[in-house]
Amino acid sequence: MKVQITNKTDCESKYGIRSEPQLAFIKPGNAVEFNLFVKPYCTCKVDDPILIVSSDVKKSKEKTYQLHVIFETELTSLLDYDELKIDKKLGEGAFGIVFKGELRGNKVAIKQMKNMAGDSETIEEFEKEVMMLDKFRSDYIIHFYGAVFIPNKYCMVTEYAEYGSIQDSIHKYSKDKKPGHKLRIKFMIDAAKGIEYLHSNGILHRDIKPDNILIVSVNPNTLVNAKLTDFGSSRNVNMMMTNMTFTKGVGTPMYMAPEVLDQKKYKMPSDIFSFGVSLFEAYIWNTPYPIEKFKYPWDIAQFIGSGKRLEKPNKCQSGFIT
């Protein structure tokens, strides 16, 4: 009699399963012991059937018996895509689409990555960002739930910020309806604490801007009102040997430090410059470089590169800008 064990083919993204032996021929009156080995690829709860198929070679008869593989893994940052509930689209960029969703009863933001199939370089960058996010432990960094590594379903899942980014709020609310001065300052203090956390751990963000500062509360008396997000450009300073120069596609020219625009070596002060421009923007609640004066991005680069800086806003509170 020939005996073999088969399993579901649609489980391969969640776990691998193998049997030893894979196939056995049993003589009458004898028995064989099968060992099953299961390797989870993500956090999952499994109750799947496996089939034991026995074939009588001489009589050409086949019988099938069903057993169930039942197990539950510990919680990790490797997520099961089937656990995600996608609600609505929030936005779209060059590298991904962001959805509002739910994971285990928590409201989350799901960033579904684009065009990653077969792109080893993009997958490597995705893995680096996930590894970095998984290590962060700060109230001022957006909470990371985990990521999905299934081909064509690559995504990362983070805390959902219901008020969007500071940039979103600037576009949404006019100067008359903007958050109060105290609250705007609190947003930026929280962002500064997030940057401080990164820098104290040797991490350079490289894309500090109002788009990447998310508002999680508009109550000025709460502990945390804003958090940093988007670490796709971030790098460990020690890993880069503090020898970083401008990288195409990294950062946003409006917020770049002079040394970055000049393609010189740069370190953590470049983040501080970007934060300064963001702070200025949050203070005036408008673009710091008006289109009337700066028609093209290179106009900003030329302005900064020549040593010029933004003028002090009208009616600026004493001591805010020195």
C-alpha atoms as a PDB file:
ATOM      1  CA  MET A   1       0.000   0.000   0.000  1.00  0.00           C
ATOM      2  CA  LYS A   2       1.237   3.492  -0.869  1.00  0.00           C
ATOM      3  CA  VAL A   3       0.574   6.271   1.673  1.00  0.00           C
ATOM      4  CA  GLN A   4       1.309   9.977   1.371  1.00  0.00           C
ATOM      5  CA  ILE A   5       0.240  13.225   3.040  1.00  0.00           C
ATOM      6  CA  THR A   6      -0.902  16.298   1.096  1.00  0.00           C
ATOM      7  CA  ASN A   7      -1.901  19.748   2.306  1.00  0.00           C
ATOM      8  CA  LYS A   8      -3.747  22.825   1.055  1.00  0.00           C
ATOM      9  CA  THR A   9      -1.938  24.685  -1.718  1.00  0.00           C
ATOM     10  CA  ASP A  10      -3.303  28.107  -0.683  1.00  0.00           C
ATOM     11  CA  CYS A  11      -1.576  28.084   2.713  1.00  0.00           C
ATOM     12  CA  GLU A  12       1.932  28.541   1.339  1.00  0.00           C
ATOM     13  CA  SER A  13       2.080  32.271   2.096  1.00  0.00           C
ATOM     14  CA  LYS A  14       1.293  31.654   5.792  1.00  0.00           C
ATOM     15  CA  TYR A  15       3.247  28.543   6.643  1.00  0.00           C
ATOM     16  CA  GLY A  16       5.206  25.690   5.195  1.00  0.00           C
ATOM     17  CA  ILE A  17       4.485  22.080   6.042  1.00  0.00           C
ATOM     18  CA  ARG A  18       6.376  18.915   5.193  1.00  0.00           C
ATOM     19  CA  SER A  19       6.197  15.304   6.225  1.00  0.00           C
ATOM     20  CA  GLU A  20       8.907  12.739   6.775  1.00  0.00           C
ATOM     21  CA  PRO A  21       8.722  10.475   4.976  1.00  0.00           C
ATOM     22  CA  GLN A  22       6.924  12.215   2.116  1.00  0.00           C
ATOM     23  CA  LEU A  23       5.793   8.882   0.738  1.00  0.00           C
ATOM     24  CA  ALA A  24       5.734   5.380   2.211  1.00  0.00           C
ATOM     25  CA  PHE A  25       5.086   1.902   0.867  1.00  0.00           C
ATOM     26  CA  ILE A  26       3.685  -0.315   3.615  1.00  0.00           C
ATOM     27  CA  LYS A  27       3.642  -4.082   3.496  1.00  0.00           C
ATOM     28  CA  PRO A  28       0.666  -5.978   4.985  1.00  0.00           C
ATOM     29  CA  GLY A  29       0.948  -6.252   8.781  1.00  0.00           C
ATOM     30  CA  ASN A  30       3.428  -3.370   9.029  1.00  0.00           C
ATOM     31  CA  ALA A  31       3.084   0.283  10.050  1.00  0.00           C
ATOM     32  CA  VAL A  32       4.898   3.536   9.377  1.00  0.00           C
ATOM     33  CA  GLU A  33       5.281   6.700  11.453  1.00  0.00           C
ATOM     34  CA  PHE A  34       4.941  10.079   9.760  1.00  0.00           C
ATOM     35  CA  ASN A  35       6.408  13.238  11.316  1.00  0.00           C
ATOM     36  CA  LEU A  36       4.925  16.602  10.362  1.00  0.00           C
ATOM     37  CA  PHE A  37       7.034  19.773  10.485  1.00  0.00           C
ATOM     38  CA  VAL A  38       5.336  23.179  10.335  1.00  0.00           C
ATOM     39  CA  LYS A  39       7.151  26.479   9.754  1.00  0.00           C
ATOM     40  CA  PRO A  40       5.024  29.658  10.181  1.00  0.00           C
ATOM     41  CA  TYR A  41       5.877  32.584   7.900  1.00  0.00           C
ATOM     42  CA  CYS A  42       3.721  35.125   9.732  1.00  0.00           C
ATOM     43  CA  THR A  43       1.522  35.625  12.779  1.00  0.00           C
ATOM     44  CA  CYS A  44      -1.417  33.344  12.139  1.00  0.00           C
ATOM     45  CA  LYS A  45      -4.086  31.122  13.609  1.00  0.00           C
ATOM     46  CA  VAL A  46      -4.490  27.927  11.599  1.00  0.00           C
ATOM     47  CA  ASP A  47      -7.091  25.190  11.435  1.00  0.00           C
ATOM     48  CA  ASP A  48      -6.498  23.581   8.047  1.00  0.00           C
ATOM     49  CA  PRO A  49      -7.214  20.112   6.720  1.00  0.00           C
ATOM     50  CA  ILE A  50      -4.502  17.780   5.493  1.00  0.00           C
ATOM     51  CA  LEU A  51      -5.224  14.665   3.514  1.00  0.00           C
ATOM     52  CA  ILE A  52      -3.826  11.202   4.066  1.00  0.00           C
ATOM     53  CA  VAL A  53      -4.122   9.344   0.798  1.00  0.00           C
ATOM     54  CA  SER A  54      -3.697   5.581   0.730  1.00  0.00           C
ATOM     55  CA  SER A  55      -3.540   3.655  -2.531  1.00  0.00           C
ATOM     56  CA  ASP A  56      -3.801  -0.080  -2.992  1.00  0.00           C
ATOM     57  CA  VAL A  57      -1.459  -0.494  -5.918  1.00  0.00           C
ATOM     58  CA  LYS A  58      -2.621  -4.012  -6.804  1.00  0.00           C
ATOM     59  CA  LYS A  59      -6.356  -3.292  -6.654  1.00  0.00           C
ATOM     60  CA  SER A  60      -6.063   0.304  -7.974  1.00  0.00           C
ATOM     61  CA  LYS A  61      -8.195   1.556  -5.087  1.00  0.00           C
ATOM     62  CA  GLU A  62      -7.665   4.817  -3.247  1.00  0.00           C
ATOM     63  CA  LYS A  63      -8.947   6.063   0.097  1.00  0.00           C
ATOM     64  CA  THR A  64      -8.659   9.543   1.561  1.00  0.00           C
ATOM     65  CA  TYR A  65      -8.661  10.460   5.248  1.00  0.00           C
ATOM     66  CA  GLN A  66      -8.779  14.005   6.581  1.00  0.00           C
ATOM     67  CA  LEU A  67      -6.967  15.373   9.629  1.00  0.00           C
ATOM     68  CA  HIS A  68      -6.615  18.958  10.809  1.00  0.00           C
ATOM     69  CA  VAL A  69      -3.454  20.937  11.492  1.00  0.00           C
ATOM     70  CA  ILE A  70      -4.318  23.294  14.345  1.00  0.00           C
ATOM     71  CA  PHE A  71      -1.898  25.848  15.808  1.00  0.00           C
ATOM     72  CA  GLU A  72      -1.595  29.509  16.756  1.00  0.00           C
ATOM     73  CA  THR A  73       1.650  31.463  16.600  1.00  0.00           C
ATOM     74  CA  GLU A  74       2.824  34.127  18.998  1.00  0.00           C
ATOM     75  CA  LEU A  75       2.227  37.743  17.946  1.00  0.00           C
ATOM     76  CA  THR A  76       4.994  39.185  15.767  1.00  0.00           C
ATOM     77  CA  SER A  77       5.373  42.036  13.282  1.00  0.00           C
ATOM     78  CA  LEU A  78       5.059  39.552  10.399  1.00  0.00           C
ATOM     79  CA  LEU A  79       1.376  39.947   9.632  1.00  0.00           C
ATOM     80  CA  ASP A  80      -1.188  37.683   8.022  1.00  0.00           C
ATOM     81  CA  TYR A  81      -2.812  39.602   5.160  1.00  0.00           C
ATOM     82  CA  ASP A  82      -6.128  37.883   5.874  1.00  0.00           C
ATOM     83  CA  GLU A  83      -6.246  39.641   9.266  1.00  0.00           C
ATOM     84  CA  LEU A  84      -6.421  43.053   7.611  1.00  0.00           C
ATOM     85  CA  LYS A  85      -9.757  44.688   6.913  1.00  0.00           C
ATOM     86  CA  ILE A  86      -9.378  47.402   4.282  1.00  0.00           C
ATOM     87  CA  ASP A  87     -11.895  50.238   4.536  1.00  0.00           C
ATOM     88  CA  LYS A  88     -11.234  53.207   2.255  1.00  0.00           C
ATOM     89  CA  LYS A  89      -8.419  54.769   0.271  1.00  0.00           C
ATOM     90  CA  LEU A  90      -6.721  57.708   1.984  1.00  0.00           C
ATOM     91  CA  GLY A  91      -4.099  58.659  -0.559  1.00  0.00           C
ATOM     92  CA  GLU A  92      -1.670  57.514  -3.197  1.00  0.00           C
ATOM     93  CA  GLY A  93       1.982  58.176  -3.935  1.00  0.00           C
ATOM     94  CA  ALA A  94       4.658  56.982  -6.319  1.00  0.00           C
ATOM     95  CA  PHE A  95       5.478  53.925  -4.220  1.00  0.00           C
ATOM     96  CA  GLY A  96       2.207  52.953  -2.612  1.00  0.00           C
ATOM     97  CA  ILE A  97      -1.466  53.423  -1.838  1.00  0.00           C
ATOM     98  CA  VAL A  98      -2.566  54.177   1.721  1.00  0.00           C
ATOM     99  CA  PHE A  99      -5.831  52.764   3.026  1.00  0.00           C
ATOM    100  CA  LYS A 100      -7.697  53.171   6.274  1.00  0.00           C
ATOM    101  CA  GLY A 101      -8.329  49.760   7.773  1.00  0.00           C
ATOM    102  CA  GLU A 102      -8.577  47.594  10.831  1.00  0.00           C
ATOM    103  CA  LEU A 103      -6.309  45.050  12.484  1.00  0.00           C
ATOM    104  CA  ARG A 104      -7.451  43.093  15.549  1.00  0.00           C
ATOM    105  CA  GLY A 105      -9.928  45.820  16.490  1.00  0.00           C
ATOM    106  CA  ASN A 106      -7.451  48.689  16.006  1.00  0.00           C
ATOM    107  CA  LYS A 107      -7.866  51.431  13.415  1.00  0.00           C
ATOM    108  CA  VAL A 108      -4.784  51.340  11.217  1.00  0.00           C
ATOM    109  CA  ALA A 109      -3.216  52.847   8.114  1.00  0.00           C
ATOM    110  CA  ILE A 110      -2.296  50.214   5.530  1.00  0.00           C
ATOM    111  CA  LYS A 111       0.356  51.219   3.012  1.00  0.00           C
ATOM    112  CA  GLN A 112       0.072  48.835   0.062  1.00  0.00           C
ATOM    113  CA  MET A 113       3.325  48.889  -1.901  1.00  0.00           C
ATOM    114  CA  LYS A 114       3.366  49.257  -5.685  1.00  0.00           C
ATOM    115  CA  ASN A 115       5.367  47.441  -8.341  1.00  0.00           C
ATOM    116  CA  MET A 116       7.489  45.310  -6.005  1.00  0.00           C
ATOM    117  CA  ALA A 117       7.165  41.967  -7.769  1.00  0.00           C
ATOM    118  CA  GLY A 118      10.609  40.878  -8.896  1.00  0.00           C
ATOM    119  CA  ASP A 119      12.235  44.189  -7.887  1.00  0.00           C
ATOM    120  CA  SER A 120      14.915  42.988  -5.484  1.00  0.00           C
ATOM    121  CA  GLU A 121      16.214  46.499  -4.749  1.00  0.00           C
ATOM    122  CA  THR A 122      12.776  47.827  -3.797  1.00  0.00           C
ATOM    123  CA  ILE A 123      12.068  44.747  -1.687  1.00  0.00           C
ATOM    124  CA  GLU A 124      15.390  45.235   0.112  1.00  0.00           C
ATOM    125  CA  GLU A 125      14.514  48.865   0.880  1.00  0.00           C
ATOM    126  CA  PHE A 126      11.104  47.749   2.139  1.00  0.00           C
ATOM    127  CA  GLU A 127      12.742  45.189   4.431  1.00  0.00           C
ATOM    128  CA  LYS A 128      15.157  47.829   5.791  1.00  0.00           C
ATOM    129  CA  GLU A 129      12.302  50.181   6.650  1.00  0.00           C
ATOM    130  CA  VAL A 130      10.351  47.387   8.341  1.00  0.00           C
ATOM    131  CA  MET A 131      13.391  46.347  10.411  1.00  0.00           C
ATOM    132  CA  MET A 132      13.902  49.945  11.490  1.00  0.00           C
ATOM    133  CA  LEU A 133      10.248  50.537  12.398  1.00  0.00           C
ATOM    134  CA  ASP A 134      10.140  47.300  14.361  1.00  0.00           C
ATOM    135  CA  LYS A 135      12.869  48.599  16.685  1.00  0.00           C
ATOM    136  CA  PHE A 136      11.371  52.023  17.410  1.00  0.00           C
ATOM    137  CA  ARG A 137       9.921  52.530  20.880  1.00  0.00           C
ATOM    138  CA  SER A 138       8.813  56.138  21.224  1.00  0.00           C
ATOM    139  CA  ASP A 139       5.514  57.906  21.896  1.00  0.00           C
ATOM    140  CA  TYR A 140       6.511  60.449  19.244  1.00  0.00           C
ATOM    141  CA  ILE A 141       7.015  57.934  16.430  1.00  0.00           C
ATOM    142  CA  ILE A 142       3.926  56.511  14.728  1.00  0.00           C
ATOM    143  CA  HIS A 143       3.224  53.031  16.110  1.00  0.00           C
ATOM    144  CA  PHE A 144       4.202  50.161  13.824  1.00  0.00           C
ATOM    145  CA  TYR A 145       2.003  47.061  13.900  1.00  0.00           C
ATOM    146  CA  GLY A 146       3.864  45.060  11.309  1.00  0.00           C
ATOM    147  CA  ALA A 147       4.194  44.210   7.634  1.00  0.00           C
ATOM    148  CA  VAL A 148       3.020  41.672   5.090  1.00  0.00           C
ATOM    149  CA  PHE A 149       5.684  40.002   2.959  1.00  0.00           C
ATOM    150  CA  ILE A 150       3.432  38.083   0.577  1.00  0.00           C
ATOM    151  CA  PRO A 151       4.285  38.738  -3.116  1.00  0.00           C
ATOM    152  CA  ASN A 152       1.779  41.154  -4.708  1.00  0.00           C
ATOM    153  CA  LYS A 153       0.467  41.978  -1.220  1.00  0.00           C
ATOM    154  CA  TYR A 154       3.487  43.732   0.295  1.00  0.00           C
ATOM    155  CA  CYS A 155       2.263  46.299   2.790  1.00  0.00           C
ATOM    156  CA  MET A 156       3.092  47.887   6.118  1.00  0.00           C
ATOM    157  CA  VAL A 157       0.596  48.637   8.846  1.00  0.00           C
ATOM    158  CA  THR A 158       0.857  51.578  11.227  1.00  0.00           C
ATOM    159  CA  GLU A 159      -1.259  53.514  13.680  1.00  0.00           C
ATOM    160  CA  TYR A 160      -4.047  55.511  12.030  1.00  0.00           C
ATOM    161  CA  ALA A 161      -3.869  59.268  12.592  1.00  0.00           C
ATOM    162  CA  GLU A 162      -7.449  60.440  12.111  1.00  0.00           C
ATOM    163  CA  TYR A 163      -6.503  64.102  11.692  1.00  0.00           C
ATOM    164  CA  GLY A 164      -3.989  63.461   8.921  1.00  0.00           C
ATOM    165  CA  SER A 165      -0.718  65.342   8.594  1.00  0.00           C
ATOM    166  CA  ILE A 166       0.095  68.965   9.353  1.00  0.00           C
ATOM    167  CA  GLN A 167       0.297  69.474   5.587  1.00  0.00           C
ATOM    168  CA  ASP A 168      -3.224  68.073   5.215  1.00  0.00           C
ATOM    169  CA  SER A 169      -4.486  70.514   7.834  1.00  0.00           C
ATOM    170  CA  ILE A 170      -2.779  73.481   6.175  1.00  0.00           C
ATOM    171  CA  HIS A 171      -4.569  72.634   2.920  1.00  0.00           C
ATOM    172  CA  LYS A 172      -7.871  71.897   4.650  1.00  0.00           C
ATOM    173  CA  TYR A 173      -8.164  74.814   7.045  1.00  0.00           C
ATOM    174  CA  SER A 174      -7.755  78.464   6.137  1.00  0.00           C
ATOM    175  CA  LYS A 175      -5.785  80.854   8.305  1.00  0.00           C
ATOM    176  CA  ASP A 176      -9.035  81.870  10.004  1.00  0.00           C
ATOM    177  CA  LYS A 177      -9.780  78.267  11.006  1.00  0.00           C
ATOM    178  CA  LYS A 178      -6.249  77.075  11.712  1.00  0.00           C
ATOM    179  CA  PRO A 179      -5.432  75.446  15.082  1.00  0.00           C
ATOM    180  CA  GLY A 180      -4.489  77.843  17.840  1.00  0.00           C
ATOM    181  CA  HIS A 181      -0.911  79.016  18.317  1.00  0.00           C
ATOM    182  CA  LYS A 182      -0.433  76.877  21.424  1.00  0.00           C
ATOM    183  CA  LEU A 183      -1.569  73.713  19.645  1.00  0.00           C
ATOM    184  CA  ARG A 184       0.572  74.358  16.563  1.00  0.00           C
ATOM    185  CA  ILE A 185       3.604  74.800  18.770  1.00  0.00           C
ATOM    186  CA  LYS A 186       2.713  71.578  20.590  1.00  0.00           C
ATOM    187  CA  PHE A 187       2.595  69.715  17.254  1.00  0.00           C
ATOM    188  CA  MET A 188       6.121  70.834  16.495  1.00  0.00           C
ATOM    189  CA  ILE A 189       7.438  70.154  20.003  1.00  0.00           C
ATOM    190  CA  ASP A 190       6.222  66.584  19.647  1.00  0.00           C
ATOM    191  CA  ALA A 191       7.869  66.323  16.223  1.00  0.00           C
ATOM    192  CA  ALA A 192      11.096  67.654  17.738  1.00  0.00           C
ATOM    193  CA  LYS A 193      10.944  64.946  20.409  1.00  0.00           C
ATOM    194  CA  GLY A 194      10.530  62.371  17.668  1.00  0.00           C
ATOM    195  CA  ILE A 195      13.604  63.705  15.872  1.00  0.00           C
ATOM    196  CA  GLU A 196      15.517  63.734  19.155  1.00  0.00           C
ATOM    197  CA  TYR A 197      14.649  60.062  19.654  1.00  0.00           C
ATOM    198  CA  LEU A 198      15.867  59.173  16.165  1.00  0.00           C
ATOM    199  CA  HIS A 199      19.105  61.106  16.500  1.00  0.00           C
ATOM    200  CA  SER A 200      19.840  59.674  19.948  1.00  0.00           C
ATOM    201  CA  ASN A 201      19.648  56.248  18.308  1.00  0.00           C
ATOM    202  CA  GLY A 202      21.886  57.216  15.416  1.00  0.00           C
ATOM    203  CA  ILE A 203      19.063  57.506  12.869  1.00  0.00           C
ATOM    204  CA  LEU A 204      18.808  60.285  10.282  1.00  0.00           C
ATOM    205  CA  HIS A 205      15.247  60.759   8.969  1.00  0.00           C
ATOM    206  CA  ARG A 206      16.199  62.608   5.747  1.00  0.00           C
ATOM    207  CA  ASP A 207      12.664  63.718   4.863  1.00  0.00           C
ATOM    208  CA  ILE A 208      11.356  65.900   7.688  1.00  0.00           C
ATOM    209  CA  LYS A 209       8.398  67.946   6.433  1.00  0.00           C
ATOM    210  CA  PRO A 210       4.787  68.736   7.460  1.00  0.00           C
ATOM    211  CA  ASP A 211       3.594  65.818   5.298  1.00  0.00           C
ATOM    212  CA  ASN A 212       5.487  63.454   7.593  1.00  0.00           C
ATOM    213  CA  ILE A 213       4.225  64.881  10.887  1.00  0.00           C
ATOM    214  CA  LEU A 214       0.890  63.242  11.718  1.00  0.00           C
ATOM    215  CA  ILE A 215      -1.682  64.746  14.077  1.00  0.00           C
ATOM    216  CA  VAL A 216      -3.073  62.188  16.527  1.00  0.00           C
ATOM    217  CA  SER A 217      -4.907  64.561  18.886  1.00  0.00           C
ATOM    218  CA  VAL A 218      -6.155  68.157  18.786  1.00  0.00           C
ATOM    219  CA  ASN A 219      -6.537  68.400  22.552  1.00  0.00           C
ATOM    220  CA  PRO A 220      -3.623  70.611  23.692  1.00  0.00           C
ATOM    221  CA  ASN A 221      -3.678  68.981  27.126  1.00  0.00           C
ATOM    222  CA  THR A 222      -2.928  65.438  25.927  1.00  0.00           C
ATOM    223  CA  LEU A 223       0.565  64.005  26.279  1.00  0.00           C
ATOM    224  CA  VAL A 224       1.109  63.452  22.553  1.00  0.00           C
ATOM    225  CA  ASN A 225      -0.474  65.465  19.741  1.00  0.00           C
ATOM    226  CA  ALA A 226       1.778  64.672  16.795  1.00  0.00           C
ATOM    227  CA  LYS A 227       4.080  61.890  15.656  1.00  0.00           C
ATOM    228  CA  LEU A 228       6.726  61.385  12.995  1.00  0.00           C
ATOM    229  CA  THR A 229       6.096  58.997  10.131  1.00  0.00           C
ATOM    230  CA  ASP A 230       7.554  57.771   6.802  1.00  0.00           C
ATOM    231  CA  PHE A 231      10.966  56.261   7.431  1.00  0.00           C
ATOM    232  CA  GLY A 232      11.581  54.985   3.912  1.00  0.00           C
ATOM    233  CA  SER A 233      14.459  57.424   3.494  1.00  0.00           C
ATOM    234  CA  SER A 234      15.889  57.037   7.011  1.00  0.00           C
ATOM    235  CA  ARG A 235      19.373  55.699   7.524  1.00  0.00           C
ATOM    236  CA  ASN A 236      21.598  54.649  10.390  1.00  0.00           C
ATOM    237  CA  VAL A 237      24.418  57.190  10.537  1.00  0.00           C
ATOM    238  CA  ASN A 238      27.005  54.617  11.620  1.00  0.00           C
ATOM    239  CA  MET A 239      26.037  52.242   8.809  1.00  0.00           C
ATOM    240  CA  MET A 240      26.511  55.038   6.292  1.00  0.00           C
ATOM    241  CA  MET A 241      29.888  55.959   7.833  1.00  0.00           C
ATOM    242  CA  THR A 242      28.618  59.562   8.230  1.00  0.00           C
ATOM    243  CA  ASN A 243      29.562  60.057   4.579  1.00  0.00           C
ATOM    244  CA  MET A 244      26.141  60.726   3.121  1.00  0.00           C
ATOM    245  CA  THR A 245      25.638  62.919   0.102  1.00  0.00           C
ATOM    246  CA  PHE A 246      22.519  63.794  -1.863  1.00  0.00           C
ATOM    247  CA  THR A 247      20.624  60.727  -3.049  1.00  0.00           C
ATOM    248  CA  LYS A 248      18.292  61.091  -6.013  1.00  0.00           C
ATOM    249  CA  GLY A 249      14.666  60.802  -4.960  1.00  0.00           C
ATOM    250  CA  VAL A 250      15.398  61.212  -1.244  1.00  0.00           C
ATOM    251  CA  GLY A 251      13.980  64.231   0.537  1.00  0.00           C
ATOM    252  CA  THR A 252      11.941  67.201  -0.680  1.00  0.00           C
ATOM    253  CA  PRO A 253      13.843  70.214  -2.123  1.00  0.00           C
ATOM    254  CA  MET A 254      11.695  72.781  -0.295  1.00  0.00           C
ATOM    255  CA  TYR A 255      12.919  71.430   3.050  1.00  0.00           C
ATOM    256  CA  MET A 256      16.478  70.410   2.140  1.00  0.00           C
ATOM    257  CA  ALA A 257      19.483  71.825   3.958  1.00  0.00           C
ATOM    258  CA  PRO A 258      22.106  73.756   1.930  1.00  0.00           C
ATOM    259  CA  GLU A 259      24.677  70.967   2.259  1.00  0.00           C
ATOM    260  CA  VAL A 260      22.187  68.455   0.855  1.00  0.00           C
ATOM    261  CA  LEU A 261      21.271  70.691  -2.084  1.00  0.00           C
ATOM    262  CA  ASP A 262      24.977  71.268  -2.760  1.00  0.00           C
ATOM    263  CA  GLN A 263      25.537  67.482  -2.758  1.00  0.00           C
ATOM    264  CA  LYS A 264      28.012  67.756   0.096  1.00  0.00           C
ATOM    265  CA  LYS A 265      28.424  65.418   3.047  1.00  0.00           C
ATOM    266  CA  TYR A 266      25.687  65.846   5.590  1.00  0.00           C
ATOM    267  CA  LYS A 267      24.747  64.601   9.020  1.00  0.00           C
ATOM    268  CA  MET A 268      22.025  65.191  11.595  1.00  0.00           C
ATOM    269  CA  PRO A 269      21.947  69.008  11.275  1.00  0.00           C
ATOM    270  CA  SER A 270      20.313  68.505   7.868  1.00  0.00           C
ATOM    271  CA  ASP A 271      17.257  67.098   9.680  1.00  0.00           C
ATOM    272  CA  ILE A 272      17.231  70.140  11.946  1.00  0.00           C
ATOM    273  CA  PHE A 273      17.222  72.490   8.960  1.00  0.00           C
ATOM    274  CA  SER A 274      14.270  70.590   7.464  1.00  0.00           C
ATOM    275  CA  PHE A 275      12.509  70.793  10.814  1.00  0.00           C
ATOM    276  CA  GLY A 276      13.146  74.552  10.925  1.00  0.00           C
ATOM    277  CA  VAL A 277      11.432  75.068   7.569  1.00  0.00           C
ATOM    278  CA  SER A 278       8.550  72.860   8.739  1.00  0.00           C
ATOM    279  CA  LEU A 279       8.284  74.879  11.949  1.00  0.00           C
ATOM    280  CA  PHE A 280       8.171  78.088   9.921  1.00  0.00           C
ATOM    281  CA  GLU A 281       5.395  76.641   7.748  1.00  0.00           C
ATOM    282  CA  ALA A 282       3.359  75.532  10.760  1.00  0.00           C
ATOM    283  CA  TYR A 283       3.758  78.985  12.286  1.00  0.00           C
ATOM    284  CA  ILE A 284       2.580  80.975   9.247  1.00  0.00           C
ATOM    285  CA  TRP A 285       0.126  78.190   8.241  1.00  0.00           C
ATOM    286  CA  ASN A 286       1.090  78.580   4.609  1.00  0.00           C
ATOM    287  CA  THR A 287       3.799  77.582   2.172  1.00  0.00           C
ATOM    288  CA  PRO A 288       7.123  79.123   3.245  1.00  0.00           C
ATOM    289  CA  TYR A 289       8.140  79.691  -0.382  1.00  0.00           C
ATOM    290  CA  PRO A 290       5.239  81.442  -2.182  1.00  0.00           C
ATOM    291  CA  ILE A 291       4.757  80.514  -5.831  1.00  0.00           C
ATOM    292  CA  GLU A 292       4.901  84.189  -6.844  1.00  0.00           C
ATOM    293  CA  LYS A 293       8.566  84.331  -5.825  1.00  0.00           C
ATOM    294  CA  PHE A 294       9.592  80.703  -6.232  1.00  0.00           C
ATOM    295  CA  LYS A 295       8.024  79.376  -9.412  1.00  0.00           C
ATOM    296  CA  TYR A 296      10.238  76.293  -9.707  1.00  0.00           C
ATOM    297  CA  PRO A 297      11.933  73.994  -7.142  1.00  0.00           C
ATOM    298  CA  TRP A 298      15.365  75.074  -8.363  1.00  0.00           C
ATOM    299  CA  ASP A 299      14.477  78.669  -7.460  1.00  0.00           C
ATOM    300  CA  ILE A 300      14.338  77.510  -3.836  1.00  0.00           C
ATOM    301  CA  ALA A 301      17.626  75.617  -4.207  1.00  0.00           C
ATOM    302  CA  GLN A 302      19.300  78.706  -5.668  1.00  0.00           C
ATOM    303  CA  PHE A 303      17.873  80.911  -2.912  1.00  0.00           C
ATOM    304  CA  ILE A 304      19.129  78.624  -0.123  1.00  0.00           C
ATOM    305  CA  GLY A 305      22.434  77.880  -1.856  1.00  0.00           C
ATOM    306  CA  SER A 306      23.247  81.581  -2.114  1.00  0.00           C
ATOM    307  CA  GLY A 307      22.995  81.912   1.656  1.00  0.00           C
ATOM    308  CA  LYS A 308      19.613  83.627   1.762  1.00  0.00           C
ATOM    309  CA  ARG A 309      16.940  82.684   4.264  1.00  0.00           C
ATOM    310  CA  LEU A 310      13.223  83.271   4.747  1.00  0.00           C
ATOM    311  CA  GLU A 311      12.215  86.615   6.189  1.00  0.00           C
ATOM    312  CA  LYS A 312      10.697  86.947   9.617  1.00  0.00           C
ATOM    313  CA  PRO A 313       6.880  86.790   9.345  1.00  0.00           C
ATOM    314  CA  ASN A 314       4.821  89.892  10.031  1.00  0.00           C
ATOM    315  CA  LYS A 315       3.461  90.147  13.573  1.00  0.00           C
ATOM    316  CA  CYS A 316       5.808  87.402  14.699  1.00  0.00           C
ATOM    317  CA  GLN A 317       5.733  86.859  18.441  1.00  0.00           C
ATOM    318  CA  SER A 318       8.782  88.059  20.300  1.00  0.00           C
ATOM    319  CA  GLY A 319      11.478  85.418  20.692  1.00  0.00           C
ATOM    320  CA  PHE A 320       9.954  82.982  18.221  1.00  0.00           C
ATOM    321  CA  ILE A 321      12.477  83.677  15.462  1.00  0.00           C
ATOM    322  CA  THR A 322      15.950  85.010  16.181  1.00  0.00           C
END
